[in-house]
Amino acid sequence: MFMLQKGSVTVGGVNLENHLILAAGVLGTTGASLARMLRLGAGGVVTKSIGPQPKSGHAGPCLIPLEGGLLNAMGLPNPSRDFVNEVTPLKDRPVIVSIFGGMPEEFREVASWFEGIAAGYELNLSCPHAEGYGASIGSDPGVVRACTEEVAAFGLPTWVKLTPNVTDIGVIGRAAEEGGATAIVAVNTVRAMRISINLRRPVLGNRFGGLSGKMIFPIALRCVYDLYDACSIPIIGCGGISSAEDVIEMMMAGASAVQIGSAVCDDIGIFERIGEALYADDGSPAGEIVGCAHA
């Protein structure tokens, strides 16, 4: 298998310790858990999504394990501005703060709290189960561009996380790029649900939620492939990655780095495990394979 050079990399304006990033919403709720994932081999970490007001999230059940994936409807629970205290001690580390809002001005407000602290921002324009937020506004190119412009104005790296639940993800990616995004993260969870045949009702308290894990890898891969053709800024692949082979495949589709989320639930040491198989002292530059499947 193709192996990569060891060492730090810069993707979308953020200096990372390697190509493997902790995805938003997974062990990103405290500064201690973020620091732990960096110690365990993550090249960078993305926080839980932070919004303009505190939210308690949806009523349970909120997380259901499935064969090959997870189904969740958390509802973006977060402490809002109080989270600044969690990430301030990590201001010199590769910590990307995930933010959300219901309108461009709210994205700007939340971003302002972390100016001078975050290594960069990730705009959550893709959560499929939070009414008025995420994918409900992230499917409109005009809104995506406006939200991105508000945050990019701070001059910090600005990543935009997209939903796969759209007809043409390339259109949304171009809107983010036009708004000043320095990278695109593809993708968030896939809108989905399950029903309990015994209870005769949906298994999630919110009825529907977002599907993640290995079963969505082919969907995420296709989205990365499409975005590579549509956009000129770096793409960060996200969705079902759990092995070094998955990382290489994502890079061949066009990703410059990857995020790992659901797989952490099964293996807290997954960053080290993948890194051992992915990197070598005599490895090749990632640039040799990024997008090579388009040739």
Protein backbone atom coordinates (compact mmCIF):
# COMPACT_ATOMS: atom_id res chain seq x y z
CA MET A 1 0.00 0.00 0.00
CA PHE A 2 1.09 3.59 -0.67
CA MET A 3 2.62 5.04 2.50
CA LEU A 4 2.95 8.71 3.38
CA GLN A 5 5.80 10.76 4.74
CA LYS A 6 5.72 11.36 8.47
CA GLY A 7 5.51 14.91 9.69
CA SER A 8 3.28 17.92 10.04
CA VAL A 9 1.13 19.24 7.19
CA THR A 10 -0.86 22.39 6.49
CA VAL A 11 -4.41 21.94 5.20
CA GLY A 12 -6.85 24.77 4.66
CA GLY A 13 -4.57 27.14 6.55
CA VAL A 14 -4.34 24.99 9.69
CA ASN A 15 -1.03 23.46 10.75
CA LEU A 16 -1.71 19.82 11.62
CA GLU A 17 0.54 17.24 13.21
CA ASN A 18 -0.58 14.68 10.58
CA HIS A 19 -3.43 14.12 8.11
CA LEU A 20 -5.80 12.54 10.67
CA ILE A 21 -8.29 14.83 12.44
CA LEU A 22 -10.86 14.13 15.13
CA ALA A 23 -14.29 14.93 13.67
CA ALA A 24 -16.72 17.30 15.39
CA GLY A 25 -19.08 15.88 18.00
CA VAL A 26 -16.88 12.99 19.11
CA LEU A 27 -14.95 13.49 22.37
CA GLY A 28 -14.88 17.21 21.63
CA THR A 29 -16.97 18.38 24.57
CA THR A 30 -14.14 19.33 26.95
CA GLY A 31 -10.64 20.68 26.69
CA ALA A 32 -9.36 17.57 28.48
CA SER A 33 -10.90 15.19 25.95
CA LEU A 34 -9.55 17.23 23.03
CA ALA A 35 -6.06 17.20 24.55
CA ARG A 36 -6.35 13.45 25.11
CA MET A 37 -7.09 12.81 21.44
CA LEU A 38 -4.06 14.87 20.41
CA ARG A 39 -1.92 12.76 22.76
CA LEU A 40 -3.40 9.62 21.21
CA GLY A 41 -2.24 10.54 17.72
CA ALA A 42 -4.79 12.88 16.17
CA GLY A 43 -3.10 15.50 14.01
CA GLY A 44 -5.80 18.01 14.86
CA VAL A 45 -9.15 18.07 16.63
CA VAL A 46 -12.54 19.64 15.96
CA THR A 47 -14.72 20.60 18.90
CA LYS A 48 -18.37 19.88 19.50
CA SER A 49 -20.48 22.39 17.58
CA ILE A 50 -21.00 25.60 19.57
CA GLY A 51 -23.98 27.89 18.97
CA PRO A 52 -25.26 31.32 19.97
CA GLN A 53 -27.32 30.01 22.91
CA PRO A 54 -26.94 27.00 25.20
CA LYS A 55 -28.92 23.95 24.03
CA SER A 56 -29.84 20.80 25.91
CA GLY A 57 -30.43 18.80 22.73
CA HIS A 58 -33.16 16.35 21.80
CA ALA A 59 -34.93 13.97 24.15
CA GLY A 60 -33.56 10.43 24.15
CA PRO A 61 -32.91 7.94 22.85
CA CYS A 62 -30.27 9.99 21.01
CA LEU A 63 -27.75 7.38 19.85
CA ILE A 64 -28.44 3.93 18.42
CA PRO A 65 -25.65 1.53 17.35
CA LEU A 66 -26.30 -0.23 14.05
CA GLU A 67 -24.36 -2.88 12.19
CA GLY A 68 -21.67 -0.87 10.44
CA GLY A 69 -22.69 2.50 11.78
CA LEU A 70 -24.33 4.80 14.29
CA LEU A 71 -27.66 6.60 14.14
CA ASN A 72 -27.83 9.75 16.23
CA ALA A 73 -30.03 12.75 16.87
CA MET A 74 -28.26 14.72 19.57
CA GLY A 75 -29.79 18.07 18.65
CA LEU A 76 -26.57 20.11 18.95
CA PRO A 77 -26.36 20.23 22.79
CA ASN A 78 -23.71 22.76 23.81
CA PRO A 79 -22.79 25.26 26.54
CA SER A 80 -22.47 28.16 24.08
CA ARG A 81 -20.05 30.93 25.14
CA ASP A 82 -18.96 29.09 28.29
CA PHE A 83 -17.03 26.71 26.02
CA VAL A 84 -14.38 29.39 25.57
CA ASN A 85 -12.98 28.36 28.95
CA GLU A 86 -12.52 24.79 27.72
CA VAL A 87 -10.41 25.62 24.67
CA THR A 88 -8.41 28.60 25.94
CA PRO A 89 -5.68 26.36 27.46
CA LEU A 90 -5.27 24.75 24.00
CA LYS A 91 -4.90 27.97 22.03
CA ASP A 92 -1.48 26.94 20.68
CA ARG A 93 -2.66 23.50 19.52
CA PRO A 94 -4.43 22.48 16.27
CA VAL A 95 -7.95 22.92 17.68
CA ILE A 96 -10.66 23.87 15.18
CA VAL A 97 -13.83 25.21 16.76
CA SER A 98 -17.06 23.98 15.16
CA ILE A 99 -19.74 26.67 15.17
CA PHE A 100 -23.38 26.89 14.14
CA GLY A 101 -26.15 29.45 13.95
CA GLY A 102 -29.48 30.11 12.34
CA MET A 103 -28.34 33.11 10.31
CA PRO A 104 -25.03 34.62 9.14
CA GLU A 105 -24.89 37.12 11.99
CA GLU A 106 -25.05 34.33 14.55
CA PHE A 107 -22.10 32.57 12.92
CA ARG A 108 -20.13 35.82 13.17
CA GLU A 109 -21.08 36.27 16.83
CA VAL A 110 -19.98 32.78 17.86
CA ALA A 111 -16.75 33.02 15.85
CA SER A 112 -15.87 36.27 17.62
CA TRP A 113 -15.74 34.50 20.99
CA PHE A 114 -12.88 32.27 19.83
CA GLU A 115 -10.82 34.85 17.93
CA GLY A 116 -7.19 34.50 19.01
CA ILE A 117 -7.89 31.11 20.61
CA ALA A 118 -8.95 28.74 17.81
CA ALA A 119 -6.55 27.51 15.14
CA GLY A 120 -9.50 27.86 12.79
CA TYR A 121 -13.25 27.54 12.46
CA GLU A 122 -15.47 24.81 11.04
CA LEU A 123 -18.96 25.96 10.04
CA ASN A 124 -21.58 23.32 10.74
CA LEU A 125 -23.92 23.85 7.81
CA SER A 126 -24.83 20.20 7.61
CA CYS A 127 -26.37 18.71 10.78
CA PRO A 128 -29.48 16.82 9.53
CA HIS A 129 -31.49 16.77 12.78
CA ALA A 130 -31.48 20.31 14.25
CA GLU A 131 -34.45 22.36 13.06
CA GLY A 132 -33.42 25.82 11.87
CA TYR A 133 -29.72 24.96 11.85
CA GLY A 134 -27.24 22.84 9.90
CA ALA A 135 -28.55 21.20 6.75
CA SER A 136 -31.80 23.17 6.89
CA ILE A 137 -29.82 26.26 5.90
CA GLY A 138 -26.76 24.53 4.41
CA SER A 139 -28.65 23.41 1.32
CA ASP A 140 -29.05 27.01 0.13
CA PRO A 141 -25.95 28.23 -1.74
CA GLY A 142 -26.70 31.88 -1.00
CA VAL A 143 -26.95 31.26 2.74
CA VAL A 144 -23.82 29.10 2.74
CA ARG A 145 -21.88 31.87 1.03
CA ALA A 146 -23.21 34.54 3.41
CA CYS A 147 -22.40 32.52 6.55
CA THR A 148 -18.93 31.75 5.24
CA GLU A 149 -18.24 35.41 4.45
CA GLU A 150 -19.12 36.45 8.00
CA VAL A 151 -16.67 34.01 9.55
CA ALA A 152 -13.90 34.30 6.93
CA ALA A 153 -13.80 38.04 7.66
CA PHE A 154 -11.92 37.27 10.91
CA GLY A 155 -8.94 36.19 8.80
CA LEU A 156 -8.61 32.76 10.42
CA PRO A 157 -8.76 29.45 8.53
CA THR A 158 -12.41 28.78 7.73
CA TRP A 159 -13.59 25.27 6.96
CA VAL A 160 -17.17 24.58 5.88
CA LYS A 161 -18.71 21.18 6.63
CA LEU A 162 -21.26 20.16 4.01
CA THR A 163 -24.26 17.87 4.01
CA PRO A 164 -24.53 14.96 1.56
CA ASN A 165 -28.32 15.43 1.58
CA VAL A 166 -28.38 17.71 -1.47
CA THR A 167 -28.85 17.20 -5.19
CA ASP A 168 -25.52 18.74 -6.23
CA ILE A 169 -22.89 19.10 -3.51
CA GLY A 170 -20.56 20.85 -5.95
CA VAL A 171 -22.87 23.86 -6.08
CA ILE A 172 -22.75 24.16 -2.28
CA GLY A 173 -18.98 23.68 -2.24
CA ARG A 174 -18.48 26.48 -4.76
CA ALA A 175 -20.69 28.77 -2.67
CA ALA A 176 -18.47 28.13 0.36
CA GLU A 177 -15.35 28.76 -1.71
CA GLU A 178 -16.78 32.01 -3.06
CA GLY A 179 -17.54 33.05 0.52
CA GLY A 180 -13.89 32.72 1.51
CA ALA A 181 -13.66 29.17 2.85
CA THR A 182 -10.11 27.82 3.07
CA ALA A 183 -11.27 24.18 3.03
CA ILE A 184 -14.38 22.05 2.64
CA VAL A 185 -15.20 19.15 4.96
CA ALA A 186 -17.22 16.42 3.27
CA VAL A 187 -19.45 15.12 4.69
CA ASN A 188 -21.68 15.26 7.74
CA THR A 189 -24.08 12.42 8.55
CA VAL A 190 -26.71 11.09 6.15
CA ARG A 191 -30.35 11.72 7.06
CA ALA A 192 -31.82 8.40 8.21
CA MET A 193 -34.08 6.57 10.64
CA ARG A 194 -35.06 3.15 12.02
CA ILE A 195 -38.38 1.95 13.47
CA SER A 196 -38.86 -0.44 16.38
CA ILE A 197 -41.29 -3.09 15.16
CA ASN A 198 -42.10 -4.03 18.76
CA LEU A 199 -42.84 -0.48 19.91
CA ARG A 200 -44.27 0.55 16.52
CA ARG A 201 -42.43 3.86 16.58
CA PRO A 202 -39.07 5.33 15.56
CA VAL A 203 -36.15 4.26 17.71
CA LEU A 204 -34.86 7.83 18.15
CA GLY A 205 -36.57 10.35 20.38
CA ASN A 206 -36.37 12.84 17.50
CA ARG A 207 -37.79 10.22 15.06
CA PHE A 208 -35.04 10.73 12.48
CA GLY A 209 -31.34 11.48 12.77
CA GLY A 210 -27.98 11.21 11.07
CA LEU A 211 -26.28 8.00 9.95
CA SER A 212 -22.50 7.70 10.29
CA GLY A 213 -19.91 4.95 10.24
CA LYS A 214 -18.57 2.49 7.68
CA MET A 215 -21.85 2.16 5.79
CA ILE A 216 -21.68 5.77 4.57
CA PHE A 217 -18.05 5.65 3.37
CA PRO A 218 -18.99 5.17 -0.31
CA ILE A 219 -21.35 8.17 -0.09
CA ALA A 220 -18.68 10.38 1.47
CA LEU A 221 -16.11 9.19 -1.08
CA ARG A 222 -18.37 10.16 -3.98
CA CYS A 223 -18.98 13.59 -2.44
CA VAL A 224 -15.23 14.20 -2.11
CA TYR A 225 -14.74 13.09 -5.71
CA ASP A 226 -17.42 15.50 -6.96
CA LEU A 227 -16.09 18.41 -4.90
CA TYR A 228 -12.56 17.90 -6.19
CA ASP A 229 -13.85 18.59 -9.69
CA ALA A 230 -16.08 21.49 -8.60
CA CYS A 231 -13.76 23.42 -6.26
CA SER A 232 -10.15 24.56 -6.05
CA ILE A 233 -9.69 24.70 -2.25
CA PRO A 234 -8.59 21.68 -0.17
CA ILE A 235 -11.14 19.02 0.76
CA ILE A 236 -11.14 17.12 4.04
CA GLY A 237 -12.83 13.74 3.71
CA CYS A 238 -15.16 12.60 6.49
CA GLY A 239 -17.53 9.66 6.75
CA GLY A 240 -16.89 6.04 7.66
CA ILE A 241 -13.08 6.14 7.70
CA SER A 242 -11.62 3.40 9.88
CA SER A 243 -8.39 2.20 8.23
CA ALA A 244 -5.26 3.41 6.47
CA GLU A 245 -6.71 2.03 3.24
CA ASP A 246 -9.77 4.25 3.68
CA VAL A 247 -7.50 7.28 4.09
CA ILE A 248 -5.60 6.50 0.90
CA GLU A 249 -8.85 5.96 -1.02
CA MET A 250 -10.20 9.30 0.21
CA MET A 251 -6.99 11.02 -0.87
CA MET A 252 -7.16 9.43 -4.31
CA ALA A 253 -10.69 10.82 -4.60
CA GLY A 254 -9.37 14.30 -3.79
CA ALA A 255 -9.03 14.73 -0.01
CA SER A 256 -5.97 16.48 1.40
CA ALA A 257 -6.73 15.20 4.92
CA VAL A 258 -9.45 13.22 6.66
CA GLN A 259 -11.62 13.38 9.76
CA ILE A 260 -12.46 10.33 11.86
CA GLY A 261 -15.48 10.19 14.15
CA SER A 262 -17.62 7.08 14.61
CA ALA A 263 -14.63 4.73 14.48
CA VAL A 264 -13.30 6.33 17.68
CA CYS A 265 -16.28 4.81 19.53
CA ASP A 266 -14.94 1.33 18.74
CA ASP A 267 -11.22 2.09 19.13
CA ILE A 268 -9.95 5.04 21.16
CA GLY A 269 -6.48 4.34 19.77
CA ILE A 270 -7.55 4.46 16.14
CA PHE A 271 -5.38 7.45 15.26
CA GLU A 272 -2.24 5.64 16.37
CA ARG A 273 -3.36 2.42 14.70
CA ILE A 274 -4.03 4.10 11.36
CA GLY A 275 -0.87 6.20 11.65
CA GLU A 276 1.30 3.10 12.09
CA ALA A 277 -0.04 1.65 8.85
CA LEU A 278 -0.16 4.94 6.95
CA TYR A 279 3.20 6.58 7.64
CA ALA A 280 6.80 5.60 7.03
CA ASP A 281 10.11 7.43 7.32
CA ASP A 282 10.67 6.85 3.60
CA GLY A 283 7.02 7.44 2.66
CA SER A 284 5.91 9.57 -0.29
CA PRO A 285 4.36 13.06 -0.24
CA ALA A 286 0.58 13.01 -0.06
CA GLY A 287 0.47 15.28 -3.09
CA GLU A 288 1.46 12.33 -5.26
CA ILE A 289 -1.94 10.69 -4.76
CA VAL A 290 -4.40 13.47 -3.88
CA GLY A 291 -6.95 13.43 -6.70
CA CYS A 292 -5.08 10.81 -8.74
CA ALA A 293 -8.31 8.87 -9.36
CA HIS A 294 -9.40 11.72 -11.63
CA ALA A 295 -6.57 11.16 -14.11
